Amino acid sequence: MSSGSSSRSSSGGSQGGRPRKDPEERRTISHGLYLNQKEKRELEKRAEAAGLSVNSYLRRSALGGEPISETAERKTLTELRSIGTTLEQLAHQTTSGKVEAQTQYALADLRKAINRLR
């Protein structure tokens, strides 16, 4: 074997994996925080309830206002898609003349979905 051959190239060849973040987006600065055990448990409980890591929870709380659960965001998007589908069905029924009972059921479903989002 030759001494200069290597299966990996250090000249920036494709290595696979996640692409590197832009240097301005990369989080390289750490900011310490002292907590007692009770505060630590409470912070972990809140982060878990929000579906976030403790770091993400703290970052969102400090910089973006109220931390929103990623799970809650997904549920909201699902509800909005459901509302959109219902509206499409209503529009189709209106143009085809099938407006009566089906429309009332669809509107009731739409009202329930809107109330769940409030």
PDB file of N, CA and C in Angstrom:
ATOM      1  N   MET A   1       0.841  -1.179   0.000  1.00  0.00           N
ATOM      2  CA  MET A   1       0.000   0.000   0.000  1.00  0.00           C
ATOM      3  C   MET A   1       0.879   1.232   0.000  1.00  0.00           C
ATOM      4  N   SER A   2       0.388   2.247  -0.659  1.00  0.00           N
ATOM      5  CA  SER A   2       1.161   3.483  -0.682  1.00  0.00           C
ATOM      6  C   SER A   2       0.868   4.279   0.575  1.00  0.00           C
ATOM      7  N   SER A   3       1.857   5.012   1.042  1.00  0.00           N
ATOM      8  CA  SER A   3       1.695   5.739   2.294  1.00  0.00           C
ATOM      9  C   SER A   3       0.841   6.982   2.151  1.00  0.00           C
ATOM     10  N   GLY A   4       0.593   7.447   0.931  1.00  0.00           N
ATOM     11  CA  GLY A   4      -0.173   8.672   0.746  1.00  0.00           C
ATOM     12  C   GLY A   4      -1.640   8.440   0.469  1.00  0.00           C
ATOM     13  N   SER A   5      -2.107   7.196   0.391  1.00  0.00           N
ATOM     14  CA  SER A   5      -3.514   6.972   0.057  1.00  0.00           C
ATOM     15  C   SER A   5      -4.361   6.959   1.318  1.00  0.00           C
ATOM     16  N   SER A   6      -5.530   7.532   1.178  1.00  0.00           N
ATOM     17  CA  SER A   6      -6.474   7.572   2.292  1.00  0.00           C
ATOM     18  C   SER A   6      -7.872   7.557   1.724  1.00  0.00           C
ATOM     19  N   SER A   7      -8.791   6.900   2.401  1.00  0.00           N
ATOM     20  CA  SER A   7     -10.162   6.859   1.906  1.00  0.00           C
ATOM     21  C   SER A   7     -10.892   8.163   2.170  1.00  0.00           C
ATOM     22  N   ARG A   8     -10.387   8.978   3.075  1.00  0.00           N
ATOM     23  CA  ARG A   8     -11.003  10.268   3.368  1.00  0.00           C
ATOM     24  C   ARG A   8     -10.107  11.376   2.867  1.00  0.00           C
ATOM     25  N   SER A   9     -10.732  12.340   2.283  1.00  0.00           N
ATOM     26  CA  SER A   9      -9.988  13.467   1.760  1.00  0.00           C
ATOM     27  C   SER A   9     -10.163  14.655   2.685  1.00  0.00           C
ATOM     28  N   SER A  10      -9.074  15.322   3.001  1.00  0.00           N
ATOM     29  CA  SER A  10      -9.171  16.512   3.842  1.00  0.00           C
ATOM     30  C   SER A  10      -9.356  17.763   3.013  1.00  0.00           C
ATOM     31  N   SER A  11      -9.575  17.601   1.709  1.00  0.00           N
ATOM     32  CA  SER A  11      -9.726  18.760   0.830  1.00  0.00           C
ATOM     33  C   SER A  11     -11.178  19.193   0.705  1.00  0.00           C
ATOM     34  N   GLY A  12     -12.036  18.759   1.624  1.00  0.00           N
ATOM     35  CA  GLY A  12     -13.420  19.230   1.631  1.00  0.00           C
ATOM     36  C   GLY A  12     -14.356  18.378   0.798  1.00  0.00           C
ATOM     37  N   GLY A  13     -14.022  17.127   0.574  1.00  0.00           N
ATOM     38  CA  GLY A  13     -14.893  16.245  -0.188  1.00  0.00           C
ATOM     39  C   GLY A  13     -16.186  15.991   0.554  1.00  0.00           C
ATOM     40  N   SER A  14     -17.136  15.405  -0.127  1.00  0.00           N
ATOM     41  CA  SER A  14     -18.443  15.139   0.460  1.00  0.00           C
ATOM     42  C   SER A  14     -18.317  14.087   1.547  1.00  0.00           C
ATOM     43  N   GLN A  15     -18.715  14.414   2.752  1.00  0.00           N
ATOM     44  CA  GLN A  15     -18.642  13.503   3.885  1.00  0.00           C
ATOM     45  C   GLN A  15     -20.012  12.991   4.297  1.00  0.00           C
ATOM     46  N   GLY A  16     -21.064  13.543   3.755  1.00  0.00           N
ATOM     47  CA  GLY A  16     -22.403  13.146   4.165  1.00  0.00           C
ATOM     48  C   GLY A  16     -22.777  13.818   5.473  1.00  0.00           C
ATOM     49  N   GLY A  17     -23.917  13.443   6.043  1.00  0.00           N
ATOM     50  CA  GLY A  17     -24.352  14.035   7.301  1.00  0.00           C
ATOM     51  C   GLY A  17     -25.055  15.364   7.106  1.00  0.00           C
ATOM     52  N   ARG A  18     -25.255  16.044   8.202  1.00  0.00           N
ATOM     53  CA  ARG A  18     -25.977  17.310   8.187  1.00  0.00           C
ATOM     54  C   ARG A  18     -25.074  18.416   7.642  1.00  0.00           C
ATOM     55  N   PRO A  19     -25.629  19.291   6.785  1.00  0.00           N
ATOM     56  CA  PRO A  19     -24.819  20.393   6.266  1.00  0.00           C
ATOM     57  C   PRO A  19     -24.450  21.369   7.380  1.00  0.00           C
ATOM     58  N   ARG A  20     -23.291  21.999   7.223  1.00  0.00           N
ATOM     59  CA  ARG A  20     -22.836  22.962   8.223  1.00  0.00           C
ATOM     60  C   ARG A  20     -23.709  24.206   8.206  1.00  0.00           C
ATOM     61  N   LYS A  21     -23.924  24.774   9.401  1.00  0.00           N
ATOM     62  CA  LYS A  21     -24.678  26.018   9.507  1.00  0.00           C
ATOM     63  C   LYS A  21     -23.794  27.180   9.080  1.00  0.00           C
ATOM     64  N   ASP A  22     -24.437  28.238   8.644  1.00  0.00           N
ATOM     65  CA  ASP A  22     -23.751  29.485   8.361  1.00  0.00           C
ATOM     66  C   ASP A  22     -23.076  29.927   9.661  1.00  0.00           C
ATOM     67  N   PRO A  23     -21.830  30.411   9.604  1.00  0.00           N
ATOM     68  CA  PRO A  23     -21.134  30.800  10.839  1.00  0.00           C
ATOM     69  C   PRO A  23     -21.920  31.772  11.719  1.00  0.00           C
ATOM     70  N   GLU A  24     -22.725  32.645  11.128  1.00  0.00           N
ATOM     71  CA  GLU A  24     -23.510  33.581  11.936  1.00  0.00           C
ATOM     72  C   GLU A  24     -24.670  32.893  12.650  1.00  0.00           C
ATOM     73  N   GLU A  25     -25.124  31.755  12.140  1.00  0.00           N
ATOM     74  CA  GLU A  25     -26.232  31.021  12.760  1.00  0.00           C
ATOM     75  C   GLU A  25     -25.745  30.003  13.783  1.00  0.00           C
ATOM     76  N   ARG A  26     -24.475  29.634  13.716  1.00  0.00           N
ATOM     77  CA  ARG A  26     -23.917  28.634  14.612  1.00  0.00           C
ATOM     78  C   ARG A  26     -23.903  29.163  16.039  1.00  0.00           C
ATOM     79  N   ARG A  27     -24.344  28.346  16.966  1.00  0.00           N
ATOM     80  CA  ARG A  27     -24.370  28.756  18.375  1.00  0.00           C
ATOM     81  C   ARG A  27     -23.063  28.326  19.025  1.00  0.00           C
ATOM     82  N   THR A  28     -22.203  29.289  19.276  1.00  0.00           N
ATOM     83  CA  THR A  28     -20.888  28.993  19.839  1.00  0.00           C
ATOM     84  C   THR A  28     -20.679  29.644  21.201  1.00  0.00           C
ATOM     85  N   ILE A  29     -21.628  30.448  21.641  1.00  0.00           N
ATOM     86  CA  ILE A  29     -21.471  31.185  22.894  1.00  0.00           C
ATOM     87  C   ILE A  29     -22.345  30.542  23.965  1.00  0.00           C
ATOM     88  N   SER A  30     -21.736  30.240  25.090  1.00  0.00           N
ATOM     89  CA  SER A  30     -22.454  29.656  26.217  1.00  0.00           C
ATOM     90  C   SER A  30     -22.669  30.731  27.274  1.00  0.00           C
ATOM     91  N   HIS A  31     -23.842  30.723  27.876  1.00  0.00           N
ATOM     92  CA  HIS A  31     -24.152  31.683  28.929  1.00  0.00           C
ATOM     93  C   HIS A  31     -24.613  30.887  30.142  1.00  0.00           C
ATOM     94  N   GLY A  32     -23.844  30.938  31.207  1.00  0.00           N
ATOM     95  CA  GLY A  32     -24.121  30.118  32.386  1.00  0.00           C
ATOM     96  C   GLY A  32     -25.342  30.568  33.161  1.00  0.00           C
ATOM     97  N   LEU A  33     -25.932  29.623  33.884  1.00  0.00           N
ATOM     98  CA  LEU A  33     -27.118  29.891  34.688  1.00  0.00           C
ATOM     99  C   LEU A  33     -27.042  29.005  35.924  1.00  0.00           C
ATOM    100  N   TYR A  34     -27.203  29.595  37.084  1.00  0.00           N
ATOM    101  CA  TYR A  34     -27.190  28.829  38.323  1.00  0.00           C
ATOM    102  C   TYR A  34     -28.615  28.642  38.817  1.00  0.00           C
ATOM    103  N   LEU A  35     -28.945  27.393  39.139  1.00  0.00           N
ATOM    104  CA  LEU A  35     -30.267  27.041  39.650  1.00  0.00           C
ATOM    105  C   LEU A  35     -30.099  26.176  40.884  1.00  0.00           C
ATOM    106  N   ASN A  36     -31.106  26.167  41.744  1.00  0.00           N
ATOM    107  CA  ASN A  36     -31.115  25.165  42.804  1.00  0.00           C
ATOM    108  C   ASN A  36     -31.855  23.938  42.256  1.00  0.00           C
ATOM    109  N   GLN A  37     -31.894  22.862  43.028  1.00  0.00           N
ATOM    110  CA  GLN A  37     -32.496  21.613  42.545  1.00  0.00           C
ATOM    111  C   GLN A  37     -33.976  21.777  42.210  1.00  0.00           C
ATOM    112  N   LYS A  38     -34.689  22.523  43.039  1.00  0.00           N
ATOM    113  CA  LYS A  38     -36.121  22.724  42.800  1.00  0.00           C
ATOM    114  C   LYS A  38     -36.341  23.475  41.486  1.00  0.00           C
ATOM    115  N   GLU A  39     -35.560  24.526  41.252  1.00  0.00           N
ATOM    116  CA  GLU A  39     -35.678  25.297  40.008  1.00  0.00           C
ATOM    117  C   GLU A  39     -35.324  24.441  38.796  1.00  0.00           C
ATOM    118  N   LYS A  40     -34.293  23.622  38.941  1.00  0.00           N
ATOM    119  CA  LYS A  40     -33.877  22.740  37.840  1.00  0.00           C
ATOM    120  C   LYS A  40     -34.998  21.777  37.471  1.00  0.00           C
ATOM    121  N   ARG A  41     -35.609  21.156  38.475  1.00  0.00           N
ATOM    122  CA  ARG A  41     -36.713  20.218  38.216  1.00  0.00           C
ATOM    123  C   ARG A  41     -37.883  20.929  37.543  1.00  0.00           C
ATOM    124  N   GLU A  42     -38.208  22.133  38.024  1.00  0.00           N
ATOM    125  CA  GLU A  42     -39.316  22.898  37.438  1.00  0.00           C
ATOM    126  C   GLU A  42     -39.017  23.255  35.982  1.00  0.00           C
ATOM    127  N   LEU A  43     -37.801  23.675  35.710  1.00  0.00           N
ATOM    128  CA  LEU A  43     -37.402  24.025  34.348  1.00  0.00           C
ATOM    129  C   LEU A  43     -37.492  22.810  33.428  1.00  0.00           C
ATOM    130  N   GLU A  44     -37.005  21.670  33.891  1.00  0.00           N
ATOM    131  CA  GLU A  44     -37.075  20.447  33.094  1.00  0.00           C
ATOM    132  C   GLU A  44     -38.520  20.030  32.852  1.00  0.00           C
ATOM    133  N   LYS A  45     -39.364  20.184  33.871  1.00  0.00           N
ATOM    134  CA  LYS A  45     -40.785  19.830  33.738  1.00  0.00           C
ATOM    135  C   LYS A  45     -41.461  20.713  32.689  1.00  0.00           C
ATOM    136  N   ARG A  46     -41.191  22.010  32.741  1.00  0.00           N
ATOM    137  CA  ARG A  46     -41.800  22.930  31.775  1.00  0.00           C
ATOM    138  C   ARG A  46     -41.299  22.674  30.359  1.00  0.00           C
ATOM    139  N   ALA A  47     -40.009  22.417  30.225  1.00  0.00           N
ATOM    140  CA  ALA A  47     -39.451  22.144  28.900  1.00  0.00           C
ATOM    141  C   ALA A  47     -40.064  20.875  28.317  1.00  0.00           C
ATOM    142  N   GLU A  48     -40.186  19.843  29.144  1.00  0.00           N
ATOM    143  CA  GLU A  48     -40.785  18.591  28.678  1.00  0.00           C
ATOM    144  C   GLU A  48     -42.242  18.796  28.275  1.00  0.00           C
ATOM    145  N   ALA A  49     -42.985  19.563  29.069  1.00  0.00           N
ATOM    146  CA  ALA A  49     -44.393  19.828  28.754  1.00  0.00           C
ATOM    147  C   ALA A  49     -44.535  20.575  27.433  1.00  0.00           C
ATOM    148  N   ALA A  50     -43.546  21.405  27.113  1.00  0.00           N
ATOM    149  CA  ALA A  50     -43.574  22.155  25.854  1.00  0.00           C
ATOM    150  C   ALA A  50     -43.027  21.332  24.696  1.00  0.00           C
ATOM    151  N   GLY A  51     -42.499  20.132  24.994  1.00  0.00           N
ATOM    152  CA  GLY A  51     -41.937  19.296  23.935  1.00  0.00           C
ATOM    153  C   GLY A  51     -40.604  19.825  23.429  1.00  0.00           C
ATOM    154  N   LEU A  52     -39.860  20.506  24.300  1.00  0.00           N
ATOM    155  CA  LEU A  52     -38.594  21.123  23.906  1.00  0.00           C
ATOM    156  C   LEU A  52     -37.471  20.663  24.824  1.00  0.00           C
ATOM    157  N   SER A  53     -36.232  20.786  24.340  1.00  0.00           N
ATOM    158  CA  SER A  53     -35.094  20.571  25.221  1.00  0.00           C
ATOM    159  C   SER A  53     -35.027  21.756  26.180  1.00  0.00           C
ATOM    160  N   VAL A  54     -34.300  21.594  27.270  1.00  0.00           N
ATOM    161  CA  VAL A  54     -34.162  22.693  28.225  1.00  0.00           C
ATOM    162  C   VAL A  54     -33.526  23.897  27.536  1.00  0.00           C
ATOM    163  N   ASN A  55     -32.478  23.671  26.732  1.00  0.00           N
ATOM    164  CA  ASN A  55     -31.827  24.786  26.038  1.00  0.00           C
ATOM    165  C   ASN A  55     -32.791  25.501  25.095  1.00  0.00           C
ATOM    166  N   SER A  56     -33.551  24.749  24.316  1.00  0.00           N
ATOM    167  CA  SER A  56     -34.508  25.373  23.396  1.00  0.00           C
ATOM    168  C   SER A  56     -35.580  26.129  24.168  1.00  0.00           C
ATOM    169  N   TYR A  57     -36.034  25.539  25.265  1.00  0.00           N
ATOM    170  CA  TYR A  57     -37.050  26.197  26.090  1.00  0.00           C
ATOM    171  C   TYR A  57     -36.522  27.527  26.629  1.00  0.00           C
ATOM    172  N   LEU A  58     -35.310  27.514  27.167  1.00  0.00           N
ATOM    173  CA  LEU A  58     -34.722  28.743  27.701  1.00  0.00           C
ATOM    174  C   LEU A  58     -34.518  29.783  26.607  1.00  0.00           C
ATOM    175  N   ARG A  59     -34.014  29.347  25.458  1.00  0.00           N
ATOM    176  CA  ARG A  59     -33.768  30.274  24.351  1.00  0.00           C
ATOM    177  C   ARG A  59     -35.067  30.926  23.894  1.00  0.00           C
ATOM    178  N   ARG A  60     -36.110  30.112  23.695  1.00  0.00           N
ATOM    179  CA  ARG A  60     -37.399  30.666  23.253  1.00  0.00           C
ATOM    180  C   ARG A  60     -37.998  31.577  24.316  1.00  0.00           C
ATOM    181  N   SER A  61     -37.872  31.195  25.579  1.00  0.00           N
ATOM    182  CA  SER A  61     -38.413  32.024  26.660  1.00  0.00           C
ATOM    183  C   SER A  61     -37.706  33.371  26.715  1.00  0.00           C
ATOM    184  N   ALA A  62     -36.392  33.344  26.584  1.00  0.00           N
ATOM    185  CA  ALA A  62     -35.611  34.571  26.726  1.00  0.00           C
ATOM    186  C   ALA A  62     -35.704  35.464  25.496  1.00  0.00           C
ATOM    187  N   LEU A  63     -35.744  34.883  24.314  1.00  0.00           N
ATOM    188  CA  LEU A  63     -35.644  35.679  23.092  1.00  0.00           C
ATOM    189  C   LEU A  63     -36.936  35.804  22.307  1.00  0.00           C
ATOM    190  N   GLY A  64     -37.826  34.852  22.461  1.00  0.00           N
ATOM    191  CA  GLY A  64     -38.996  34.863  21.601  1.00  0.00           C
ATOM    192  C   GLY A  64     -40.316  34.929  22.324  1.00  0.00           C
ATOM    193  N   GLY A  65     -40.313  35.358  23.565  1.00  0.00           N
ATOM    194  CA  GLY A  65     -41.567  35.390  24.298  1.00  0.00           C
ATOM    195  C   GLY A  65     -41.918  34.018  24.819  1.00  0.00           C
ATOM    196  N   GLU A  66     -43.189  33.688  24.798  1.00  0.00           N
ATOM    197  CA  GLU A  66     -43.671  32.423  25.342  1.00  0.00           C
ATOM    198  C   GLU A  66     -43.216  31.260  24.463  1.00  0.00           C
ATOM    199  N   PRO A  67     -42.573  30.249  25.059  1.00  0.00           N
ATOM    200  CA  PRO A  67     -42.167  29.101  24.248  1.00  0.00           C
ATOM    201  C   PRO A  67     -43.388  28.307  23.805  1.00  0.00           C
ATOM    202  N   ILE A  68     -43.468  28.046  22.525  1.00  0.00           N
ATOM    203  CA  ILE A  68     -44.590  27.304  21.969  1.00  0.00           C
ATOM    204  C   ILE A  68     -44.130  25.880  21.720  1.00  0.00           C
ATOM    205  N   SER A  69     -44.903  24.954  22.173  1.00  0.00           N
ATOM    206  CA  SER A  69     -44.584  23.552  21.986  1.00  0.00           C
ATOM    207  C   SER A  69     -44.599  23.190  20.514  1.00  0.00           C
ATOM    208  N   GLU A  70     -43.569  22.452  20.090  1.00  0.00           N
ATOM    209  CA  GLU A  70     -43.554  21.986  18.710  1.00  0.00           C
ATOM    210  C   GLU A  70     -44.737  21.056  18.463  1.00  0.00           C
ATOM    211  N   THR A  71     -45.131  20.314  19.494  1.00  0.00           N
ATOM    212  CA  THR A  71     -46.291  19.439  19.381  1.00  0.00           C
ATOM    213  C   THR A  71     -47.550  20.268  19.181  1.00  0.00           C
ATOM    214  N   ALA A  72     -47.679  21.363  19.921  1.00  0.00           N
ATOM    215  CA  ALA A  72     -48.845  22.237  19.769  1.00  0.00           C
ATOM    216  C   ALA A  72     -48.875  22.855  18.377  1.00  0.00           C
ATOM    217  N   GLU A  73     -47.701  23.217  17.859  1.00  0.00           N
ATOM    218  CA  GLU A  73     -47.646  23.780  16.511  1.00  0.00           C
ATOM    219  C   GLU A  73     -48.134  22.754  15.488  1.00  0.00           C
ATOM    220  N   ARG A  74     -47.699  21.498  15.657  1.00  0.00           N
ATOM    221  CA  ARG A  74     -48.134  20.443  14.730  1.00  0.00           C
ATOM    222  C   ARG A  74     -49.639  20.236  14.816  1.00  0.00           C
ATOM    223  N   LYS A  75     -50.179  20.238  16.037  1.00  0.00           N
ATOM    224  CA  LYS A  75     -51.626  20.067  16.211  1.00  0.00           C
ATOM    225  C   LYS A  75     -52.383  21.213  15.550  1.00  0.00           C
ATOM    226  N   THR A  76     -51.870  22.429  15.704  1.00  0.00           N
ATOM    227  CA  THR A  76     -52.516  23.592  15.093  1.00  0.00           C
ATOM    228  C   THR A  76     -52.504  23.470  13.579  1.00  0.00           C
ATOM    229  N   LEU A  77     -51.372  23.071  13.014  1.00  0.00           N
ATOM    230  CA  LEU A  77     -51.299  22.904  11.559  1.00  0.00           C
ATOM    231  C   LEU A  77     -52.264  21.826  11.078  1.00  0.00           C
ATOM    232  N   THR A  78     -52.374  20.744  11.840  1.00  0.00           N
ATOM    233  CA  THR A  78     -53.313  19.681  11.477  1.00  0.00           C
ATOM    234  C   THR A  78     -54.738  20.212  11.490  1.00  0.00           C
ATOM    235  N   GLU A  79     -55.081  20.983  12.518  1.00  0.00           N
ATOM    236  CA  GLU A  79     -56.424  21.566  12.597  1.00  0.00           C
ATOM    237  C   GLU A  79     -56.671  22.512  11.423  1.00  0.00           C
ATOM    238  N   LEU A  80     -55.677  23.330  11.089  1.00  0.00           N
ATOM    239  CA  LEU A  80     -55.839  24.264   9.971  1.00  0.00           C
ATOM    240  C   LEU A  80     -56.026  23.519   8.646  1.00  0.00           C
ATOM    241  N   ARG A  81     -55.291  22.424   8.461  1.00  0.00           N
ATOM    242  CA  ARG A  81     -55.478  21.617   7.244  1.00  0.00           C
ATOM    243  C   ARG A  81     -56.891  21.051   7.191  1.00  0.00           C
ATOM    244  N   SER A  82     -57.381  20.596   8.347  1.00  0.00           N
ATOM    245  CA  SER A  82     -58.736  20.059   8.416  1.00  0.00           C
ATOM    246  C   SER A  82     -59.756  21.132   8.055  1.00  0.00           C
ATOM    247  N   ILE A  83     -59.550  22.335   8.571  1.00  0.00           N
ATOM    248  CA  ILE A  83     -60.453  23.447   8.249  1.00  0.00           C
ATOM    249  C   ILE A  83     -60.401  23.744   6.757  1.00  0.00           C
ATOM    250  N   GLY A  84     -59.200  23.758   6.189  1.00  0.00           N
ATOM    251  CA  GLY A  84     -59.061  24.008   4.752  1.00  0.00           C
ATOM    252  C   GLY A  84     -59.790  22.970   3.923  1.00  0.00           C
ATOM    253  N   THR A  85     -59.668  21.700   4.321  1.00  0.00           N
ATOM    254  CA  THR A  85     -60.361  20.629   3.605  1.00  0.00           C
ATOM    255  C   THR A  85     -61.867  20.819   3.692  1.00  0.00           C
ATOM    256  N   THR A  86     -62.347  21.156   4.876  1.00  0.00           N
ATOM    257  CA  THR A  86     -63.782  21.389   5.057  1.00  0.00           C
ATOM    258  C   THR A  86     -64.262  22.539   4.184  1.00  0.00           C
ATOM    259  N   LEU A  87     -63.483  23.618   4.134  1.00  0.00           N
ATOM    260  CA  LEU A  87     -63.863  24.758   3.295  1.00  0.00           C
ATOM    261  C   LEU A  87     -63.900  24.381   1.814  1.00  0.00           C
ATOM    262  N   GLU A  88     -62.940  23.565   1.378  1.00  0.00           N
ATOM    263  CA  GLU A  88     -62.949  23.104  -0.017  1.00  0.00           C
ATOM    264  C   GLU A  88     -64.205  22.288  -0.305  1.00  0.00           C
ATOM    265  N   GLN A  89     -64.573  21.421   0.641  1.00  0.00           N
ATOM    266  CA  GLN A  89     -65.784  20.614   0.463  1.00  0.00           C
ATOM    267  C   GLN A  89     -67.019  21.505   0.396  1.00  0.00           C
ATOM    268  N   LEU A  90     -67.071  22.513   1.254  1.00  0.00           N
ATOM    269  CA  LEU A  90     -68.204  23.443   1.228  1.00  0.00           C
ATOM    270  C   LEU A  90     -68.281  24.181  -0.102  1.00  0.00           C
ATOM    271  N   ALA A  91     -67.142  24.631  -0.596  1.00  0.00           N
ATOM    272  CA  ALA A  91     -67.127  25.347  -1.873  1.00  0.00           C
ATOM    273  C   ALA A  91     -67.616  24.439  -2.994  1.00  0.00           C
ATOM    274  N   HIS A  92     -67.179  23.182  -2.987  1.00  0.00           N
ATOM    275  CA  HIS A  92     -67.606  22.231  -4.018  1.00  0.00           C
ATOM    276  C   HIS A  92     -69.109  21.960  -3.917  1.00  0.00           C
ATOM    277  N   GLN A  93     -69.597  21.771  -2.694  1.00  0.00           N
ATOM    278  CA  GLN A  93     -71.023  21.498  -2.507  1.00  0.00           C
ATOM    279  C   GLN A  93     -71.873  22.686  -2.926  1.00  0.00           C
ATOM    280  N   THR A  94     -71.386  23.872  -2.655  1.00  0.00           N
ATOM    281  CA  THR A  94     -72.128  25.077  -3.022  1.00  0.00           C
ATOM    282  C   THR A  94     -72.257  25.188  -4.535  1.00  0.00           C
ATOM    283  N   THR A  95     -71.172  24.909  -5.257  1.00  0.00           N
ATOM    284  CA  THR A  95     -71.222  25.024  -6.717  1.00  0.00           C
ATOM    285  C   THR A  95     -71.995  23.883  -7.355  1.00  0.00           C
ATOM    286  N   SER A  96     -72.108  22.738  -6.675  1.00  0.00           N
ATOM    287  CA  SER A  96     -72.826  21.604  -7.253  1.00  0.00           C
ATOM    288  C   SER A  96     -74.282  21.535  -6.801  1.00  0.00           C
ATOM    289  N   GLY A  97     -74.708  22.443  -5.921  1.00  0.00           N
ATOM    290  CA  GLY A  97     -76.099  22.483  -5.494  1.00  0.00           C
ATOM    291  C   GLY A  97     -76.416  21.600  -4.301  1.00  0.00           C
ATOM    292  N   LYS A  98     -75.433  20.896  -3.730  1.00  0.00           N
ATOM    293  CA  LYS A  98     -75.658  20.030  -2.562  1.00  0.00           C
ATOM    294  C   LYS A  98     -75.327  20.820  -1.299  1.00  0.00           C
ATOM    295  N   VAL A  99     -76.243  21.654  -0.855  1.00  0.00           N
ATOM    296  CA  VAL A  99     -75.928  22.583   0.224  1.00  0.00           C
ATOM    297  C   VAL A  99     -76.604  22.235   1.541  1.00  0.00           C
ATOM    298  N   GLU A 100     -77.612  21.475   1.574  1.00  0.00           N
ATOM    299  CA  GLU A 100     -78.471  21.353   2.748  1.00  0.00           C
ATOM    300  C   GLU A 100     -77.812  20.698   3.964  1.00  0.00           C
ATOM    301  N   ALA A 101     -78.139  19.475   4.263  1.00  0.00           N
ATOM    302  CA  ALA A 101     -77.691  18.817   5.496  1.00  0.00           C
ATOM    303  C   ALA A 101     -76.175  18.662   5.529  1.00  0.00           C
ATOM    304  N   GLN A 102     -75.582  18.321   4.399  1.00  0.00           N
ATOM    305  CA  GLN A 102     -74.130  18.138   4.363  1.00  0.00           C
ATOM    306  C   GLN A 102     -73.411  19.422   4.764  1.00  0.00           C
ATOM    307  N   THR A 103     -73.918  20.540   4.309  1.00  0.00           N
ATOM    308  CA  THR A 103     -73.299  21.824   4.636  1.00  0.00           C
ATOM    309  C   THR A 103     -73.431  22.123   6.120  1.00  0.00           C
ATOM    310  N   GLN A 104     -74.579  21.817   6.687  1.00  0.00           N
ATOM    311  CA  GLN A 104     -74.769  22.058   8.116  1.00  0.00           C
ATOM    312  C   GLN A 104     -73.807  21.218   8.951  1.00  0.00           C
ATOM    313  N   TYR A 105     -73.599  19.949   8.563  1.00  0.00           N
ATOM    314  CA  TYR A 105     -72.645  19.098   9.272  1.00  0.00           C
ATOM    315  C   TYR A 105     -71.225  19.639   9.125  1.00  0.00           C
ATOM    316  N   ALA A 106     -70.890  20.054   7.922  1.00  0.00           N
ATOM    317  CA  ALA A 106     -69.550  20.586   7.680  1.00  0.00           C
ATOM    318  C   ALA A 106     -69.315  21.861   8.481  1.00  0.00           C
ATOM    319  N   LEU A 107     -70.317  22.719   8.545  1.00  0.00           N
ATOM    320  CA  LEU A 107     -70.186  23.951   9.323  1.00  0.00           C
ATOM    321  C   LEU A 107     -70.043  23.648  10.812  1.00  0.00           C
ATOM    322  N   ALA A 108     -70.774  22.655  11.295  1.00  0.00           N
ATOM    323  CA  ALA A 108     -70.651  22.265  12.707  1.00  0.00           C
ATOM    324  C   ALA A 108     -69.236  21.757  12.990  1.00  0.00           C
ATOM    325  N   ASP A 109     -68.693  20.943  12.081  1.00  0.00           N
ATOM    326  CA  ASP A 109     -67.315  20.466  12.238  1.00  0.00           C
ATOM    327  C   ASP A 109     -66.333  21.628  12.221  1.00  0.00           C
ATOM    328  N   LEU A 110     -66.581  22.573  11.344  1.00  0.00           N
ATOM    329  CA  LEU A 110     -65.718  23.744  11.234  1.00  0.00           C
ATOM    330  C   LEU A 110     -65.749  24.569  12.522  1.00  0.00           C
ATOM    331  N   ARG A 111     -66.931  24.758  13.083  1.00  0.00           N
ATOM    332  CA  ARG A 111     -67.047  25.502  14.343  1.00  0.00           C
ATOM    333  C   ARG A 111     -66.292  24.794  15.473  1.00  0.00           C
ATOM    334  N   LYS A 112     -66.414  23.464  15.541  1.00  0.00           N
ATOM    335  CA  LYS A 112     -65.701  22.699  16.571  1.00  0.00           C
ATOM    336  C   LYS A 112     -64.194  22.873  16.423  1.00  0.00           C
ATOM    337  N   ALA A 113     -63.713  22.798  15.188  1.00  0.00           N
ATOM    338  CA  ALA A 113     -62.274  22.938  14.952  1.00  0.00           C
ATOM    339  C   ALA A 113     -61.786  24.324  15.346  1.00  0.00           C
ATOM    340  N   ILE A 114     -62.550  25.341  15.008  1.00  0.00           N
ATOM    341  CA  ILE A 114     -62.173  26.715  15.365  1.00  0.00           C
ATOM    342  C   ILE A 114     -62.157  26.879  16.881  1.00  0.00           C
ATOM    343  N   ASN A 115     -63.141  26.315  17.567  1.00  0.00           N
ATOM    344  CA  ASN A 115     -63.182  26.408  19.029  1.00  0.00           C
ATOM    345  C   ASN A 115     -62.007  25.683  19.675  1.00  0.00           C
ATOM    346  N   ARG A 116     -61.552  24.576  19.090  1.00  0.00           N
ATOM    347  CA  ARG A 116     -60.387  23.868  19.624  1.00  0.00           C
ATOM    348  C   ARG A 116     -59.127  24.712  19.494  1.00  0.00           C
ATOM    349  N   LEU A 117     -59.059  25.549  18.474  1.00  0.00           N
ATOM    350  CA  LEU A 117     -57.879  26.388  18.268  1.00  0.00           C
ATOM    351  C   LEU A 117     -57.850  27.605  19.186  1.00  0.00           C
ATOM    352  N   ARG A 118     -58.969  27.962  19.765  1.00  0.00           N
ATOM    353  CA  ARG A 118     -59.018  29.160  20.628  1.00  0.00           C
ATOM    354  C   ARG A 118     -58.373  28.935  21.944  1.00  0.00           C
TER     355      ARG A 118
END
